[in-house]
């Protein structure tokens, strides 16, 4: 397996799992940002569940490649949606940066998954 794929997939999985913890625990900073985007507490926790499912998909995708590919594509869509929400809310670039960085990482992981 490609070393870059393993490293970047692990990085994406850890980042999203860490993000999910913030959503499940309703971290004040994370919750405030997501409420600013118009999300309810149950929607915030739903996003956290999506991130956990995606992170598990990336992990299991190590052995079942199609699952890793689908999880990576899911993260591309997830972070594209996050970026769109930030743009629609006219948020400053510093608030969009995490979504943009994770979108780019998700795209790279997806490309590497296709090349597998």
N, C-alpha and C. Protein backbone atom coordinates (compact mmCIF):
# COMPACT_ATOMS: atom_id res chain seq x y z
N UNK A 1 0.85 -1.18 0.00
CA UNK A 1 0.00 0.00 0.00
C UNK A 1 0.90 1.24 0.00
N UNK A 2 0.47 2.26 -0.67
CA UNK A 2 1.21 3.50 -0.80
C UNK A 2 1.37 4.16 0.58
N UNK A 3 2.60 4.51 0.92
CA UNK A 3 2.88 5.11 2.22
C UNK A 3 2.18 6.46 2.36
N UNK A 4 2.15 7.25 1.29
CA UNK A 4 1.47 8.55 1.34
C UNK A 4 -0.02 8.36 1.63
N UNK A 5 -0.62 7.34 1.03
CA UNK A 5 -2.03 7.07 1.28
C UNK A 5 -2.27 6.73 2.75
N UNK A 6 -1.43 5.90 3.32
CA UNK A 6 -1.59 5.52 4.72
C UNK A 6 -1.44 6.73 5.63
N UNK A 7 -0.43 7.53 5.39
CA UNK A 7 -0.17 8.71 6.24
C UNK A 7 -1.31 9.72 6.14
N UNK A 8 -1.71 10.05 4.92
CA UNK A 8 -2.75 11.07 4.74
C UNK A 8 -4.13 10.57 5.19
N UNK A 9 -4.39 9.29 4.97
CA UNK A 9 -5.65 8.71 5.44
C UNK A 9 -5.70 8.73 6.96
N UNK A 10 -4.61 8.39 7.60
CA UNK A 10 -4.54 8.43 9.06
C UNK A 10 -4.74 9.85 9.57
N UNK A 11 -4.09 10.80 8.93
CA UNK A 11 -4.23 12.21 9.32
C UNK A 11 -5.69 12.67 9.19
N UNK A 12 -6.32 12.34 8.07
CA UNK A 12 -7.72 12.72 7.86
C UNK A 12 -8.63 12.03 8.88
N UNK A 13 -8.40 10.75 9.13
CA UNK A 13 -9.20 10.02 10.11
C UNK A 13 -9.07 10.59 11.51
N UNK A 14 -7.85 10.91 11.91
CA UNK A 14 -7.63 11.49 13.25
C UNK A 14 -8.24 12.88 13.37
N UNK A 15 -8.09 13.68 12.32
CA UNK A 15 -8.65 15.04 12.36
C UNK A 15 -10.16 15.00 12.48
N UNK A 16 -10.80 14.11 11.73
CA UNK A 16 -12.26 14.05 11.78
C UNK A 16 -12.75 13.41 13.07
N UNK A 17 -12.02 12.45 13.60
CA UNK A 17 -12.40 11.85 14.88
C UNK A 17 -12.28 12.90 15.99
N UNK A 18 -11.22 13.69 15.97
CA UNK A 18 -11.04 14.76 16.95
C UNK A 18 -12.16 15.79 16.83
N UNK A 19 -12.52 16.13 15.59
CA UNK A 19 -13.62 17.07 15.36
C UNK A 19 -14.94 16.51 15.88
N UNK A 20 -15.14 15.21 15.69
CA UNK A 20 -16.37 14.57 16.17
C UNK A 20 -16.49 14.66 17.69
N UNK A 21 -15.38 14.49 18.38
CA UNK A 21 -15.39 14.60 19.85
C UNK A 21 -15.87 15.98 20.26
N UNK A 22 -15.40 17.01 19.58
CA UNK A 22 -15.83 18.37 19.88
C UNK A 22 -17.32 18.56 19.67
N UNK A 23 -17.86 17.88 18.67
CA UNK A 23 -19.30 18.00 18.40
C UNK A 23 -20.11 17.20 19.41
N UNK A 24 -19.65 16.01 19.78
CA UNK A 24 -20.38 15.20 20.75
C UNK A 24 -20.37 15.81 22.15
N UNK A 25 -19.26 16.43 22.51
CA UNK A 25 -19.15 17.05 23.83
C UNK A 25 -19.69 18.47 23.84
N UNK A 26 -20.11 18.93 22.66
CA UNK A 26 -20.63 20.30 22.50
C UNK A 26 -19.61 21.32 23.01
N UNK A 27 -18.38 21.15 22.56
CA UNK A 27 -17.32 22.10 22.87
C UNK A 27 -17.84 23.50 22.57
N UNK A 28 -17.75 24.42 23.55
CA UNK A 28 -18.37 25.74 23.36
C UNK A 28 -17.96 26.46 22.07
N UNK A 29 -16.68 26.42 21.72
CA UNK A 29 -16.22 27.12 20.52
C UNK A 29 -16.80 26.47 19.26
N UNK A 30 -16.75 25.15 19.20
CA UNK A 30 -17.27 24.43 18.03
C UNK A 30 -18.78 24.61 17.93
N UNK A 31 -19.48 24.47 19.06
CA UNK A 31 -20.94 24.60 19.05
C UNK A 31 -21.36 26.01 18.64
N UNK A 32 -20.64 27.01 19.13
CA UNK A 32 -20.98 28.40 18.78
C UNK A 32 -20.84 28.63 17.28
N UNK A 33 -19.75 28.12 16.69
CA UNK A 33 -19.53 28.28 15.25
C UNK A 33 -20.63 27.59 14.45
N UNK A 34 -20.98 26.39 14.86
CA UNK A 34 -21.99 25.63 14.10
C UNK A 34 -23.39 26.22 14.30
N UNK A 35 -23.66 26.73 15.48
CA UNK A 35 -24.96 27.40 15.68
C UNK A 35 -25.03 28.68 14.83
N UNK A 36 -23.89 29.35 14.69
CA UNK A 36 -23.82 30.54 13.86
C UNK A 36 -24.19 30.21 12.41
N UNK A 37 -23.90 28.98 11.99
CA UNK A 37 -24.24 28.53 10.65
C UNK A 37 -25.70 28.09 10.54
N UNK A 38 -26.40 28.10 11.67
CA UNK A 38 -27.82 27.76 11.66
C UNK A 38 -28.15 26.34 12.06
N UNK A 39 -27.20 25.61 12.63
CA UNK A 39 -27.44 24.23 13.00
C UNK A 39 -27.97 24.11 14.43
N UNK A 40 -28.81 23.12 14.66
CA UNK A 40 -29.32 22.83 16.00
C UNK A 40 -28.36 21.86 16.69
N UNK A 41 -28.56 21.67 17.98
CA UNK A 41 -27.69 20.76 18.72
C UNK A 41 -27.77 19.33 18.18
N UNK A 42 -28.96 18.89 17.81
CA UNK A 42 -29.09 17.52 17.28
C UNK A 42 -28.40 17.40 15.91
N UNK A 43 -28.44 18.44 15.11
CA UNK A 43 -27.74 18.42 13.82
C UNK A 43 -26.22 18.41 14.03
N UNK A 44 -25.77 19.13 15.04
CA UNK A 44 -24.34 19.16 15.36
C UNK A 44 -23.86 17.76 15.74
N UNK A 45 -24.64 17.09 16.59
CA UNK A 45 -24.27 15.72 16.97
C UNK A 45 -24.36 14.77 15.78
N UNK A 46 -25.30 15.01 14.88
CA UNK A 46 -25.40 14.21 13.66
C UNK A 46 -24.17 14.35 12.78
N UNK A 47 -23.66 15.57 12.71
CA UNK A 47 -22.41 15.79 11.96
C UNK A 47 -21.26 15.02 12.61
N UNK A 48 -21.24 15.02 13.94
CA UNK A 48 -20.22 14.26 14.67
C UNK A 48 -20.32 12.78 14.35
N UNK A 49 -21.53 12.26 14.30
CA UNK A 49 -21.73 10.85 13.96
C UNK A 49 -21.26 10.56 12.53
N UNK A 50 -21.50 11.49 11.62
CA UNK A 50 -21.03 11.33 10.24
C UNK A 50 -19.51 11.28 10.19
N UNK A 51 -18.87 12.11 10.98
CA UNK A 51 -17.41 12.12 11.01
C UNK A 51 -16.86 10.81 11.57
N UNK A 52 -17.50 10.29 12.61
CA UNK A 52 -17.05 9.01 13.18
C UNK A 52 -17.23 7.90 12.15
N UNK A 53 -18.37 7.88 11.48
CA UNK A 53 -18.62 6.85 10.46
C UNK A 53 -17.59 6.95 9.34
N UNK A 54 -17.27 8.16 8.91
CA UNK A 54 -16.27 8.34 7.86
C UNK A 54 -14.89 7.90 8.30
N UNK A 55 -14.53 8.25 9.54
CA UNK A 55 -13.22 7.85 10.06
C UNK A 55 -13.11 6.32 10.14
N UNK A 56 -14.19 5.68 10.57
CA UNK A 56 -14.20 4.21 10.60
C UNK A 56 -14.13 3.64 9.19
N UNK A 57 -14.81 4.28 8.25
CA UNK A 57 -14.75 3.85 6.85
C UNK A 57 -13.34 3.94 6.30
N UNK A 58 -12.62 5.00 6.66
CA UNK A 58 -11.23 5.11 6.22
C UNK A 58 -10.37 4.01 6.82
N UNK A 59 -10.60 3.73 8.11
CA UNK A 59 -9.82 2.68 8.80
C UNK A 59 -10.10 1.31 8.18
N UNK A 60 -11.36 0.97 8.04
CA UNK A 60 -11.72 -0.33 7.46
C UNK A 60 -11.31 -0.38 5.99
N UNK A 61 -11.27 0.78 5.35
CA UNK A 61 -10.85 0.86 3.96
C UNK A 61 -9.42 0.42 3.72
N UNK A 62 -8.65 0.29 4.79
CA UNK A 62 -7.30 -0.25 4.66
C UNK A 62 -7.37 -1.69 4.15
N UNK A 63 -8.39 -2.42 4.56
CA UNK A 63 -8.56 -3.82 4.17
C UNK A 63 -9.62 -4.00 3.08
N UNK A 64 -10.58 -3.09 3.03
CA UNK A 64 -11.64 -3.15 2.02
C UNK A 64 -11.58 -1.84 1.23
N UNK A 65 -10.80 -1.82 0.15
CA UNK A 65 -10.51 -0.57 -0.56
C UNK A 65 -11.73 0.24 -0.99
N UNK A 66 -12.79 -0.41 -1.43
CA UNK A 66 -13.96 0.35 -1.88
C UNK A 66 -14.57 1.16 -0.74
N UNK A 67 -14.51 0.63 0.47
CA UNK A 67 -15.04 1.37 1.62
C UNK A 67 -14.18 2.60 1.91
N UNK A 68 -12.86 2.47 1.79
CA UNK A 68 -11.98 3.62 1.97
C UNK A 68 -12.24 4.69 0.93
N UNK A 69 -12.46 4.27 -0.30
CA UNK A 69 -12.76 5.21 -1.38
C UNK A 69 -14.08 5.94 -1.12
N UNK A 70 -15.10 5.19 -0.74
CA UNK A 70 -16.40 5.81 -0.46
C UNK A 70 -16.33 6.77 0.72
N UNK A 71 -15.58 6.40 1.75
CA UNK A 71 -15.42 7.29 2.91
C UNK A 71 -14.70 8.57 2.50
N UNK A 72 -13.68 8.45 1.68
CA UNK A 72 -12.94 9.64 1.22
C UNK A 72 -13.84 10.54 0.38
N UNK A 73 -14.63 9.95 -0.51
CA UNK A 73 -15.57 10.74 -1.31
C UNK A 73 -16.59 11.41 -0.41
N UNK A 74 -17.05 10.69 0.60
CA UNK A 74 -17.99 11.26 1.57
C UNK A 74 -17.41 12.47 2.27
N UNK A 75 -16.14 12.40 2.62
CA UNK A 75 -15.49 13.55 3.27
C UNK A 75 -15.32 14.72 2.31
N UNK A 76 -15.08 14.45 1.05
CA UNK A 76 -15.01 15.54 0.07
C UNK A 76 -16.34 16.28 0.06
N UNK A 77 -17.43 15.54 -0.01
CA UNK A 77 -18.77 16.15 -0.02
C UNK A 77 -19.06 16.87 1.29
N UNK A 78 -18.69 16.25 2.40
CA UNK A 78 -18.92 16.82 3.73
C UNK A 78 -18.22 18.18 3.87
N UNK A 79 -16.94 18.21 3.54
CA UNK A 79 -16.18 19.45 3.72
C UNK A 79 -16.50 20.48 2.64
N UNK A 80 -16.91 20.04 1.47
CA UNK A 80 -17.40 20.98 0.46
C UNK A 80 -18.66 21.67 0.98
N UNK A 81 -19.55 20.88 1.58
CA UNK A 81 -20.76 21.46 2.19
C UNK A 81 -20.43 22.42 3.31
N UNK A 82 -19.44 22.07 4.14
CA UNK A 82 -19.02 22.95 5.23
C UNK A 82 -18.49 24.27 4.68
N UNK A 83 -17.69 24.17 3.64
CA UNK A 83 -17.13 25.39 3.04
C UNK A 83 -18.23 26.26 2.44
N UNK A 84 -19.19 25.64 1.79
CA UNK A 84 -20.32 26.39 1.22
C UNK A 84 -21.09 27.11 2.32
N UNK A 85 -21.31 26.43 3.44
CA UNK A 85 -22.04 27.06 4.56
C UNK A 85 -21.28 28.27 5.09
N UNK A 86 -19.96 28.16 5.19
CA UNK A 86 -19.16 29.29 5.67
C UNK A 86 -19.21 30.46 4.68
N UNK A 87 -19.16 30.16 3.40
CA UNK A 87 -19.21 31.21 2.39
C UNK A 87 -20.58 31.90 2.43
N UNK A 88 -21.64 31.12 2.53
CA UNK A 88 -22.99 31.68 2.58
C UNK A 88 -23.19 32.56 3.82
N UNK A 89 -22.50 32.20 4.91
CA UNK A 89 -22.60 32.99 6.14
C UNK A 89 -21.64 34.17 6.14
N UNK A 90 -20.88 34.32 5.05
CA UNK A 90 -19.90 35.41 4.92
C UNK A 90 -18.88 35.41 6.06
N UNK A 91 -18.45 34.21 6.45
CA UNK A 91 -17.46 34.08 7.50
C UNK A 91 -16.09 34.53 7.00
N UNK A 92 -15.23 35.02 7.90
CA UNK A 92 -13.88 35.40 7.49
C UNK A 92 -13.07 34.15 7.13
N UNK A 93 -12.00 34.35 6.39
CA UNK A 93 -11.16 33.25 5.91
C UNK A 93 -10.64 32.38 7.04
N UNK A 94 -10.32 32.99 8.18
CA UNK A 94 -9.78 32.20 9.30
C UNK A 94 -10.78 31.18 9.81
N UNK A 95 -12.07 31.46 9.69
CA UNK A 95 -13.09 30.51 10.12
C UNK A 95 -13.32 29.42 9.08
N UNK A 96 -12.99 29.72 7.82
CA UNK A 96 -13.15 28.74 6.74
C UNK A 96 -11.94 27.82 6.60
N UNK A 97 -10.81 28.23 7.13
CA UNK A 97 -9.55 27.53 6.91
C UNK A 97 -9.60 26.04 7.27
N UNK A 98 -10.13 25.66 8.45
CA UNK A 98 -10.15 24.21 8.75
C UNK A 98 -10.94 23.40 7.73
N UNK A 99 -12.10 23.90 7.32
CA UNK A 99 -12.91 23.18 6.33
C UNK A 99 -12.17 23.10 4.99
N UNK A 100 -11.50 24.18 4.60
CA UNK A 100 -10.76 24.19 3.34
C UNK A 100 -9.59 23.22 3.38
N UNK A 101 -8.84 23.23 4.46
CA UNK A 101 -7.69 22.33 4.59
C UNK A 101 -8.15 20.88 4.55
N UNK A 102 -9.21 20.56 5.28
CA UNK A 102 -9.69 19.18 5.30
C UNK A 102 -10.33 18.79 3.97
N UNK A 103 -10.90 19.75 3.25
CA UNK A 103 -11.42 19.47 1.91
C UNK A 103 -10.27 19.08 0.99
N UNK A 104 -9.20 19.86 1.01
CA UNK A 104 -8.04 19.56 0.16
C UNK A 104 -7.45 18.20 0.53
N UNK A 105 -7.33 17.93 1.83
CA UNK A 105 -6.81 16.63 2.28
C UNK A 105 -7.72 15.49 1.82
N UNK A 106 -9.02 15.70 1.90
CA UNK A 106 -9.99 14.68 1.45
C UNK A 106 -9.87 14.42 -0.04
N UNK A 107 -9.68 15.48 -0.81
CA UNK A 107 -9.51 15.33 -2.26
C UNK A 107 -8.24 14.52 -2.57
N UNK A 108 -7.16 14.84 -1.87
CA UNK A 108 -5.91 14.10 -2.09
C UNK A 108 -6.08 12.63 -1.73
N UNK A 109 -6.72 12.35 -0.58
CA UNK A 109 -6.94 10.96 -0.17
C UNK A 109 -7.81 10.24 -1.20
N UNK A 110 -8.83 10.92 -1.72
CA UNK A 110 -9.70 10.32 -2.73
C UNK A 110 -8.89 9.97 -3.99
N UNK A 111 -8.05 10.88 -4.43
CA UNK A 111 -7.23 10.63 -5.62
C UNK A 111 -6.30 9.44 -5.38
N UNK A 112 -5.68 9.39 -4.20
CA UNK A 112 -4.79 8.28 -3.88
C UNK A 112 -5.56 6.96 -3.78
N UNK A 113 -6.79 7.02 -3.27
CA UNK A 113 -7.62 5.81 -3.20
C UNK A 113 -7.94 5.30 -4.61
N UNK A 114 -8.26 6.22 -5.52
CA UNK A 114 -8.54 5.82 -6.91
C UNK A 114 -7.31 5.18 -7.56
N UNK A 115 -6.13 5.71 -7.24
CA UNK A 115 -4.90 5.23 -7.84
C UNK A 115 -4.43 3.90 -7.24
N UNK A 116 -5.05 3.48 -6.18
CA UNK A 116 -4.65 2.28 -5.43
C UNK A 116 -4.70 1.05 -6.27
